[in-house]
Amino acid sequence: MSFMKMNSAFRMPVPALAGGVILAASMAFAAVAQAQDISALEDCLAFSSGNAEVSKLQDRWKLVDGSRWLFYFGSGDEAASEATRALEIIRHYGLDESCFIGRPDPKFSYLLAQRTPPAGALEGEDCLRYDLDALKVKPDGENWLMTDGRSRMLLFSDVGNAHRALALVKYYGFTHQCFVGRPDPDFVYWRKDDADELATEQPITDKPITDAIERGLVAYYSFDGDFNDYSGNPYHATNMGAAWVSNRYGHENKALLFDGSNSGVRLDEGFPEVFDQSLTVSMWVYFNDDSRAILFGSYDTANNVNFEKHRRNRLRIWWNDGEVDFYTPDNAITLQKWHLVTFVRDKERGKFVIYVDGNEVANTSNTGTDVTPAGRFYVGRDSRAGSTVTDGKIDDVRVYNRALPNQEVSGLYNK
């Protein structure tokens, strides 16, 4: 596969850029875009959408244009389905050019159709709309984050590439970042609003969304290097042998790895007393195998409660010594893949609901008796060691004293 040579005129090493120099770099990229000399920022490869097809090569599904490989997917039926969906998107918009920043390992890529951005919604799309006017690049540890203040869009190690990407996003007017196969998508594309969307969509504001997601948050463990409760409450936790690991974004030491035997996180300073009302427990998880995995719970005590993954890749709620023992269907989650799992007790609607990646997968009309568990709570296990300890990773654990509605669960997934 041949690639066009990347234009390197605007590459700048991170150590050389600081303070006003960063601002100057951003203004320089913007000036290039505004002058319509966009080719100076681009590294693009043309292909034929009419010739593109799904093909299985070397036991992996791919999108190909003749002998050229365009996009890579995994093996198995899910990968085949994702490759087919990607082809539908390419043909729907007539996409014929794939562009990159930072090859051979690009941190930003986008697709064009005859040098124009794809526009308008596609039925069944999985897109995150962001505030184009608020989009900016800011430091994020040793890296550079593109964000609209609400969502983490892209992360770069090179500040020059970050500002090139920002200039291109603004030049093409991209308003949506779209995915096939989240949370680890093999196909990402960007699109803009069409005339109908511009006429009907409401302005994006940060405050209502932030308020909604934070309202009723009574415990929050980000696991970004410590075990503190960042909800504003004092339910800080103690590590019991869990190890630091990269999170779903690839950021090191920003999630916890549990060993499936003894490790866990124990809430030594009390726990949120939400079990006599509506509640929500949500977290990002990654399971290494199909063994049982207690995610948040307390077992060897009166009125015990557990939220867990059970065998056959099901999720489960165990409530009040088994008064409610509620499972999702088999294969609600996929092993060795990050998922957002959310458990909701909705007393007002009289049901338990379980979500995966923002989508409802099961509910039951029995909410059980209001209880006050007597024992300590744990993350990644309960009071037992052994086979019920999570074998995998956990991040961003949230507990609410209310039932999050569907749109807010979806908002958590997109956060």
Protein backbone atom coordinates (compact mmCIF):
# COMPACT_ATOMS: atom_id res chain seq x y z
CA MET A 1 0.00 0.00 0.00
CA SER A 2 1.51 3.31 -1.04
CA PHE A 3 1.03 6.46 0.99
CA MET A 4 1.36 10.07 -0.06
CA LYS A 5 4.30 11.83 1.56
CA MET A 6 3.23 13.78 4.66
CA ASN A 7 3.73 17.52 4.53
CA SER A 8 6.02 18.31 7.46
CA ALA A 9 6.15 22.09 7.24
CA PHE A 10 4.15 22.54 10.44
CA ARG A 11 5.61 19.86 12.64
CA MET A 12 6.86 21.29 15.92
CA PRO A 13 8.49 19.40 18.80
CA VAL A 14 6.67 19.66 22.13
CA PRO A 15 9.66 20.89 24.19
CA ALA A 16 10.07 23.92 21.89
CA LEU A 17 6.51 25.12 22.43
CA ALA A 18 5.31 26.85 25.55
CA GLY A 19 3.15 29.77 26.57
CA GLY A 20 2.86 32.37 23.84
CA VAL A 21 4.60 30.10 21.35
CA ILE A 22 1.71 27.63 21.60
CA LEU A 23 -0.75 30.43 20.95
CA ALA A 24 1.32 31.57 17.99
CA ALA A 25 1.35 28.03 16.59
CA SER A 26 -2.42 27.78 16.91
CA MET A 27 -2.87 31.13 15.16
CA ALA A 28 -0.49 30.07 12.38
CA PHE A 29 -2.46 26.90 11.66
CA ALA A 30 -5.73 28.83 11.74
CA ALA A 31 -4.31 31.40 9.32
CA VAL A 32 -3.31 28.67 6.87
CA ALA A 33 -6.82 27.19 7.01
CA GLN A 34 -8.51 30.58 6.63
CA ALA A 35 -6.31 31.33 3.63
CA GLN A 36 -7.74 28.16 2.01
CA ASP A 37 -4.21 26.74 1.70
CA ILE A 38 -5.47 23.64 3.45
CA SER A 39 -3.24 21.30 1.44
CA ALA A 40 -0.29 22.52 3.52
CA LEU A 41 -1.84 20.83 6.55
CA GLU A 42 -3.18 17.67 4.93
CA ASP A 43 -1.86 14.17 4.28
CA CYS A 44 -4.52 12.35 2.24
CA LEU A 45 -4.90 9.13 0.30
CA ALA A 46 -7.53 8.76 -2.45
CA PHE A 47 -9.55 5.58 -2.96
CA SER A 48 -12.63 4.47 -4.86
CA SER A 49 -15.81 4.08 -2.82
CA GLY A 50 -17.32 2.16 -5.72
CA ASN A 51 -14.52 -0.40 -5.68
CA ALA A 52 -14.30 -0.69 -1.89
CA GLU A 53 -15.42 -4.01 -0.46
CA VAL A 54 -15.29 -6.14 2.67
CA SER A 55 -12.71 -8.90 2.53
CA LYS A 56 -11.31 -11.46 4.96
CA LEU A 57 -7.54 -11.55 4.72
CA GLN A 58 -5.13 -13.32 7.07
CA ASP A 59 -8.08 -14.20 9.35
CA ARG A 60 -9.01 -10.52 9.82
CA TRP A 61 -11.80 -8.53 8.25
CA LYS A 62 -10.70 -5.55 6.20
CA LEU A 63 -12.05 -2.92 3.86
CA VAL A 64 -10.06 -3.00 0.64
CA ASP A 65 -9.90 -1.08 -2.61
CA GLY A 66 -8.53 -3.65 -5.02
CA SER A 67 -5.20 -4.73 -3.58
CA ARG A 68 -4.99 -1.82 -1.12
CA TRP A 69 -6.03 -2.24 2.49
CA LEU A 70 -8.06 0.73 3.70
CA PHE A 71 -9.33 -0.17 7.17
CA TYR A 72 -8.57 -3.05 9.51
CA PHE A 73 -11.03 -4.88 11.77
CA GLY A 74 -10.71 -7.92 13.99
CA SER A 75 -11.78 -11.51 13.46
CA GLY A 76 -15.18 -13.03 14.12
CA ASP A 77 -18.78 -12.14 13.37
CA GLU A 78 -18.73 -8.81 15.24
CA ALA A 79 -15.76 -7.61 13.22
CA ALA A 80 -17.45 -8.67 9.99
CA SER A 81 -20.55 -6.71 10.96
CA GLU A 82 -18.48 -3.62 11.79
CA ALA A 83 -16.62 -3.82 8.47
CA THR A 84 -19.93 -4.09 6.63
CA ARG A 85 -21.30 -1.07 8.49
CA ALA A 86 -18.18 0.93 7.65
CA LEU A 87 -18.64 0.12 3.97
CA GLU A 88 -22.28 1.27 4.15
CA ILE A 89 -21.10 4.60 5.59
CA ILE A 90 -18.46 5.07 2.89
CA ARG A 91 -20.98 4.40 0.12
CA HIS A 92 -23.73 6.48 1.72
CA TYR A 93 -21.58 9.62 1.78
CA GLY A 94 -19.56 8.77 -1.36
CA LEU A 95 -16.32 8.99 0.60
CA ASP A 96 -13.22 8.77 -1.59
CA GLU A 97 -10.35 10.20 0.44
CA SER A 98 -8.80 9.18 3.75
CA CYS A 99 -6.70 11.81 5.54
CA PHE A 100 -4.32 11.57 8.48
CA ILE A 101 -2.29 13.52 11.00
CA GLY A 102 0.69 11.76 12.51
CA ARG A 103 1.26 8.71 10.31
CA PRO A 104 2.25 5.91 10.60
CA ASP A 105 0.33 5.96 13.89
CA PRO A 106 -2.18 8.77 13.28
CA LYS A 107 -3.97 10.29 16.27
CA PHE A 108 -6.48 12.01 13.99
CA SER A 109 -7.96 10.78 10.72
CA TYR A 110 -10.96 11.88 8.71
CA LEU A 111 -12.75 11.07 5.46
CA LEU A 112 -13.83 13.34 2.61
CA ALA A 113 -16.06 13.06 -0.44
CA GLN A 114 -14.65 14.95 -3.43
CA ARG A 115 -12.77 17.25 -1.05
CA THR A 116 -15.89 18.02 1.01
CA PRO A 117 -16.85 16.73 4.47
CA PRO A 118 -19.70 14.23 4.85
CA ALA A 119 -22.85 15.99 6.03
CA GLY A 120 -26.12 14.92 7.61
CA ALA A 121 -27.22 12.09 9.85
CA LEU A 122 -27.26 8.43 8.83
CA GLU A 123 -29.83 6.09 10.35
CA GLY A 124 -28.32 3.99 13.14
CA GLU A 125 -25.22 6.17 13.47
CA ASP A 126 -23.25 6.32 16.74
CA CYS A 127 -22.08 9.92 16.92
CA LEU A 128 -21.02 12.40 19.56
CA ARG A 129 -21.99 15.99 18.79
CA TYR A 130 -19.69 18.64 20.20
CA ASP A 131 -19.51 22.41 20.33
CA LEU A 132 -17.35 23.44 17.39
CA ASP A 133 -17.10 27.04 18.57
CA ALA A 134 -15.75 25.94 21.97
CA LEU A 135 -13.24 23.44 20.59
CA LYS A 136 -9.67 24.07 21.73
CA VAL A 137 -6.35 22.39 22.49
CA LYS A 138 -5.09 22.36 26.06
CA PRO A 139 -2.33 20.59 28.05
CA ASP A 140 -3.24 17.19 29.52
CA GLY A 141 -0.31 15.96 31.58
CA GLU A 142 2.52 15.46 29.09
CA ASN A 143 0.05 15.38 26.19
CA TRP A 144 -2.30 17.76 24.39
CA LEU A 145 -6.07 17.33 24.48
CA MET A 146 -8.61 18.55 21.95
CA THR A 147 -11.82 19.24 23.86
CA ASP A 148 -14.94 21.39 23.78
CA GLY A 149 -14.98 21.48 27.58
CA ARG A 150 -17.49 18.63 27.76
CA SER A 151 -15.88 15.69 25.98
CA ARG A 152 -12.35 14.43 25.46
CA MET A 153 -12.13 14.36 21.67
CA LEU A 154 -8.51 13.58 20.74
CA LEU A 155 -5.21 13.22 22.58
CA PHE A 156 -1.83 14.04 21.01
CA SER A 157 1.76 13.76 22.18
CA ASP A 158 2.80 16.46 19.67
CA VAL A 159 1.31 19.93 20.18
CA GLY A 160 1.90 20.80 16.53
CA ASN A 161 -0.22 17.88 15.39
CA ALA A 162 -2.89 18.83 17.91
CA HIS A 163 -3.19 22.32 16.45
CA ARG A 164 -3.10 21.00 12.88
CA ALA A 165 -6.05 18.78 13.77
CA LEU A 166 -7.92 21.66 15.37
CA ALA A 167 -7.41 23.85 12.30
CA LEU A 168 -8.69 21.09 10.01
CA VAL A 169 -11.75 20.37 12.16
CA LYS A 170 -12.69 24.04 12.09
CA TYR A 171 -11.93 24.41 8.38
CA TYR A 172 -14.24 21.55 7.41
CA GLY A 173 -16.84 22.46 10.02
CA PHE A 174 -16.99 19.00 11.56
CA THR A 175 -19.65 18.91 14.28
CA HIS A 176 -19.91 15.17 14.99
CA GLN A 177 -17.34 12.51 15.82
CA CYS A 178 -18.80 9.14 14.77
CA PHE A 179 -17.83 5.56 15.54
CA VAL A 180 -18.32 1.97 14.49
CA GLY A 181 -17.62 -0.56 17.24
CA ARG A 182 -17.24 1.48 20.43
CA PRO A 183 -15.68 1.55 22.98
CA ASP A 184 -12.68 0.37 20.91
CA PRO A 185 -13.71 1.48 17.42
CA ASP A 186 -11.76 0.36 14.37
CA PHE A 187 -13.57 2.89 12.20
CA VAL A 188 -14.01 6.57 13.12
CA TYR A 189 -15.31 9.30 10.86
CA TRP A 190 -16.24 12.96 11.29
CA ARG A 191 -19.21 14.72 9.74
CA LYS A 192 -20.89 18.11 9.78
CA ASP A 193 -24.49 19.19 10.22
CA ASP A 194 -26.67 19.43 7.14
CA ALA A 195 -29.24 22.17 6.61
CA ASP A 196 -32.01 20.26 8.39
CA GLU A 197 -29.88 19.67 11.48
CA LEU A 198 -28.76 23.29 11.57
CA ALA A 199 -32.41 24.33 11.56
CA THR A 200 -33.53 21.98 14.33
CA GLU A 201 -30.60 21.28 16.69
CA GLN A 202 -30.45 23.24 19.91
CA PRO A 203 -27.24 25.03 20.93
CA ILE A 204 -24.88 22.93 23.01
CA THR A 205 -24.21 24.30 26.48
CA ASP A 206 -21.95 22.74 29.05
CA LYS A 207 -23.82 23.57 32.22
CA PRO A 208 -27.09 21.61 31.82
CA ILE A 209 -25.28 18.43 30.81
CA THR A 210 -22.72 18.75 33.58
CA ASP A 211 -25.41 19.49 36.15
CA ALA A 212 -27.47 16.50 35.06
CA ILE A 213 -24.60 14.04 35.23
CA GLU A 214 -23.35 15.33 38.59
CA ARG A 215 -26.74 15.76 40.28
CA GLY A 216 -27.23 13.15 42.98
CA LEU A 217 -23.65 11.85 42.73
CA VAL A 218 -22.85 10.55 46.22
CA ALA A 219 -19.63 8.63 45.54
CA TYR A 220 -17.14 8.89 42.68
CA TYR A 221 -13.85 6.99 42.36
CA SER A 222 -11.90 8.18 39.32
CA PHE A 223 -8.89 6.00 40.21
CA ASP A 224 -6.55 8.61 38.73
CA GLY A 225 -3.66 7.76 41.02
CA ASP A 226 -5.56 7.58 44.30
CA PHE A 227 -8.61 6.06 46.02
CA ASN A 228 -10.40 9.21 47.09
CA ASP A 229 -14.11 9.88 46.74
CA TYR A 230 -14.41 12.91 44.45
CA SER A 231 -18.15 13.39 44.88
CA GLY A 232 -17.55 15.78 47.76
CA ASN A 233 -18.47 13.10 50.30
CA PRO A 234 -15.96 11.42 52.62
CA TYR A 235 -16.29 7.80 51.45
CA HIS A 236 -12.60 7.40 50.66
CA ALA A 237 -11.31 3.92 49.96
CA THR A 238 -8.29 1.71 50.68
CA ASN A 239 -6.43 -0.38 48.13
CA MET A 240 -6.19 -4.12 48.79
CA GLY A 241 -3.61 -5.14 46.20
CA ALA A 242 -5.14 -3.81 42.97
CA ALA A 243 -2.52 -2.55 40.51
CA TRP A 244 -2.42 0.60 38.41
CA VAL A 245 -3.00 0.08 34.69
CA SER A 246 -3.83 2.12 31.58
CA ASN A 247 -7.43 3.22 31.19
CA ARG A 248 -9.67 3.00 28.12
CA TYR A 249 -7.91 6.01 26.57
CA GLY A 250 -4.49 4.41 26.99
CA HIS A 251 -3.49 6.78 29.81
CA GLU A 252 -1.11 5.02 32.18
CA ASN A 253 -1.96 4.58 35.88
CA LYS A 254 -5.54 5.83 35.39
CA ALA A 255 -7.47 2.59 36.08
CA LEU A 256 -7.18 -0.45 38.36
CA LEU A 257 -6.29 -4.06 37.56
CA PHE A 258 -7.79 -6.78 39.78
CA ASP A 259 -6.17 -10.22 39.98
CA GLY A 260 -9.23 -12.50 40.21
CA SER A 261 -8.07 -13.87 43.55
CA ASN A 262 -7.55 -11.40 46.41
CA SER A 263 -7.25 -7.83 45.23
CA GLY A 264 -9.91 -5.17 45.69
CA VAL A 265 -10.74 -1.70 46.95
CA ARG A 266 -12.44 -1.40 50.34
CA LEU A 267 -14.60 1.53 51.45
CA ASP A 268 -13.23 1.95 54.98
CA GLU A 269 -14.93 5.27 55.75
CA GLY A 270 -18.52 4.22 55.25
CA PHE A 271 -20.55 3.91 52.09
CA PRO A 272 -23.34 5.91 50.44
CA GLU A 273 -26.63 4.98 52.06
CA VAL A 274 -28.71 4.74 48.92
CA PHE A 275 -30.24 1.30 49.28
CA ASP A 276 -33.54 2.53 50.68
CA GLN A 277 -34.31 4.62 47.58
CA SER A 278 -33.70 4.87 43.85
CA LEU A 279 -30.03 4.53 42.94
CA THR A 280 -27.54 4.12 40.12
CA VAL A 281 -24.17 2.34 40.12
CA SER A 282 -22.06 2.84 37.01
CA MET A 283 -18.46 2.06 36.04
CA TRP A 284 -16.16 1.22 33.16
CA VAL A 285 -15.06 -2.43 33.15
CA TYR A 286 -12.81 -4.76 31.18
CA PHE A 287 -13.05 -8.50 31.88
CA ASN A 288 -10.20 -10.88 31.14
CA ASP A 289 -12.31 -14.04 31.34
CA ASP A 290 -15.84 -15.33 31.96
CA SER A 291 -15.46 -15.97 35.67
CA ARG A 292 -17.73 -14.28 38.21
CA ALA A 293 -16.69 -10.74 39.04
CA ILE A 294 -18.16 -8.70 41.89
CA LEU A 295 -18.02 -5.07 40.79
CA PHE A 296 -19.52 -3.27 43.79
CA GLY A 297 -20.94 -5.02 46.80
CA SER A 298 -21.07 -6.34 50.34
CA TYR A 299 -21.78 -10.00 51.03
CA ASP A 300 -21.26 -11.63 54.44
CA THR A 301 -23.62 -9.33 56.31
CA ALA A 302 -27.34 -8.77 56.75
CA ASN A 303 -29.21 -7.18 53.82
CA ASN A 304 -26.31 -7.72 51.45
CA VAL A 305 -26.23 -6.27 47.93
CA ASN A 306 -23.97 -7.05 44.96
CA PHE A 307 -23.65 -5.73 41.43
CA GLU A 308 -21.61 -8.14 39.34
CA LYS A 309 -20.70 -9.93 36.14
CA HIS A 310 -21.73 -13.58 36.23
CA ARG A 311 -20.76 -16.50 34.02
CA ARG A 312 -21.89 -16.64 30.38
CA ASN A 313 -21.02 -12.94 30.16
CA ARG A 314 -24.16 -11.87 32.00
CA LEU A 315 -24.59 -8.99 34.41
CA ARG A 316 -26.40 -9.55 37.69
CA ILE A 317 -28.03 -7.70 40.58
CA TRP A 318 -28.20 -9.57 43.89
CA TRP A 319 -30.40 -7.67 46.35
CA ASN A 320 -31.16 -8.22 50.05
CA ASP A 321 -29.82 -11.74 50.53
CA GLY A 322 -31.26 -12.82 47.18
CA GLU A 323 -34.75 -11.33 47.48
CA VAL A 324 -34.04 -10.08 43.96
CA ASP A 325 -31.64 -12.15 41.84
CA PHE A 326 -31.76 -10.56 38.42
CA TYR A 327 -29.65 -11.40 35.34
CA THR A 328 -29.26 -10.01 31.87
CA PRO A 329 -29.40 -12.42 28.91
CA ASP A 330 -26.22 -14.29 28.00
CA ASN A 331 -23.41 -12.38 26.29
CA ALA A 332 -24.53 -8.95 27.39
CA ILE A 333 -20.87 -7.97 27.44
CA THR A 334 -17.81 -8.92 25.40
CA LEU A 335 -14.63 -10.14 27.06
CA GLN A 336 -11.38 -8.20 26.73
CA LYS A 337 -13.18 -5.03 25.74
CA TRP A 338 -14.00 -1.90 27.71
CA HIS A 339 -17.70 -1.46 28.54
CA LEU A 340 -19.67 1.04 30.58
CA VAL A 341 -22.02 -1.01 32.79
CA THR A 342 -24.81 0.77 34.66
CA PHE A 343 -27.20 -0.67 37.25
CA VAL A 344 -30.33 1.32 38.11
CA ARG A 345 -32.92 0.83 40.82
CA ASP A 346 -35.89 3.00 39.86
CA LYS A 347 -38.46 2.95 42.66
CA GLU A 348 -40.72 5.45 40.95
CA ARG A 349 -41.11 3.22 37.89
CA GLY A 350 -40.90 0.04 39.97
CA LYS A 351 -38.02 -1.65 38.17
CA PHE A 352 -34.35 -2.55 38.09
CA VAL A 353 -32.63 -1.74 34.78
CA ILE A 354 -29.20 -2.77 33.50
CA TYR A 355 -27.40 -0.90 30.73
CA VAL A 356 -24.30 -1.70 28.68
CA ASP A 357 -22.56 1.12 26.81
CA GLY A 358 -25.53 3.39 27.33
CA ASN A 359 -28.11 0.91 26.00
CA GLU A 360 -30.71 -0.92 28.11
CA VAL A 361 -30.13 -4.69 27.97
CA ALA A 362 -32.53 -5.95 30.67
CA ASN A 363 -35.09 -4.88 33.28
CA THR A 364 -37.30 -6.47 35.90
CA SER A 365 -40.39 -5.16 37.68
CA ASN A 366 -39.27 -6.28 41.16
CA THR A 367 -37.21 -3.64 43.02
CA GLY A 368 -37.08 -5.55 46.30
CA THR A 369 -37.25 -4.22 49.84
CA ASP A 370 -35.52 -1.03 50.98
CA VAL A 371 -32.45 -2.10 52.96
CA THR A 372 -29.44 -0.78 54.87
CA PRO A 373 -26.58 -3.25 54.40
CA ALA A 374 -24.66 -3.78 57.61
CA GLY A 375 -21.19 -4.46 56.27
CA ARG A 376 -18.46 -2.71 54.35
CA PHE A 377 -18.65 -2.20 50.62
CA TYR A 378 -15.93 -3.05 48.11
CA VAL A 379 -15.03 -2.35 44.49
CA GLY A 380 -13.81 -5.30 42.40
CA ARG A 381 -14.88 -7.86 45.02
CA ASP A 382 -16.99 -8.20 48.16
CA SER A 383 -15.97 -9.51 51.58
CA ARG A 384 -15.04 -12.85 50.01
CA ALA A 385 -11.71 -13.63 48.36
CA GLY A 386 -11.26 -16.20 45.62
CA SER A 387 -13.45 -16.94 42.63
CA THR A 388 -15.77 -13.93 42.95
CA VAL A 389 -12.96 -11.35 42.74
CA THR A 390 -12.87 -9.46 39.43
CA ASP A 391 -10.27 -10.64 36.93
CA GLY A 392 -9.90 -7.49 34.86
CA LYS A 393 -9.94 -3.70 35.03
CA ILE A 394 -12.29 -1.11 36.58
CA ASP A 395 -12.38 2.66 36.23
CA ASP A 396 -14.61 5.67 37.00
CA VAL A 397 -16.98 4.17 39.58
CA ARG A 398 -20.04 6.36 40.22
CA VAL A 399 -22.88 5.93 42.73
CA TYR A 400 -26.00 8.13 42.60
CA ASN A 401 -28.90 8.56 45.00
CA ARG A 402 -31.34 8.64 42.10
CA ALA A 403 -32.27 6.59 39.03
CA LEU A 404 -30.51 8.01 35.99
CA PRO A 405 -32.88 8.11 32.99
CA ASN A 406 -31.92 6.62 29.64
CA GLN A 407 -30.54 9.84 28.17
CA GLU A 408 -28.27 10.48 31.13
CA VAL A 409 -26.91 6.92 31.05
CA SER A 410 -26.16 7.51 27.38
CA GLY A 411 -24.56 10.81 28.40
CA LEU A 412 -22.27 9.00 30.81
CA TYR A 413 -21.17 6.68 28.01
CA ASN A 414 -20.37 9.66 25.79
CA LYS A 415 -18.77 11.71 28.57
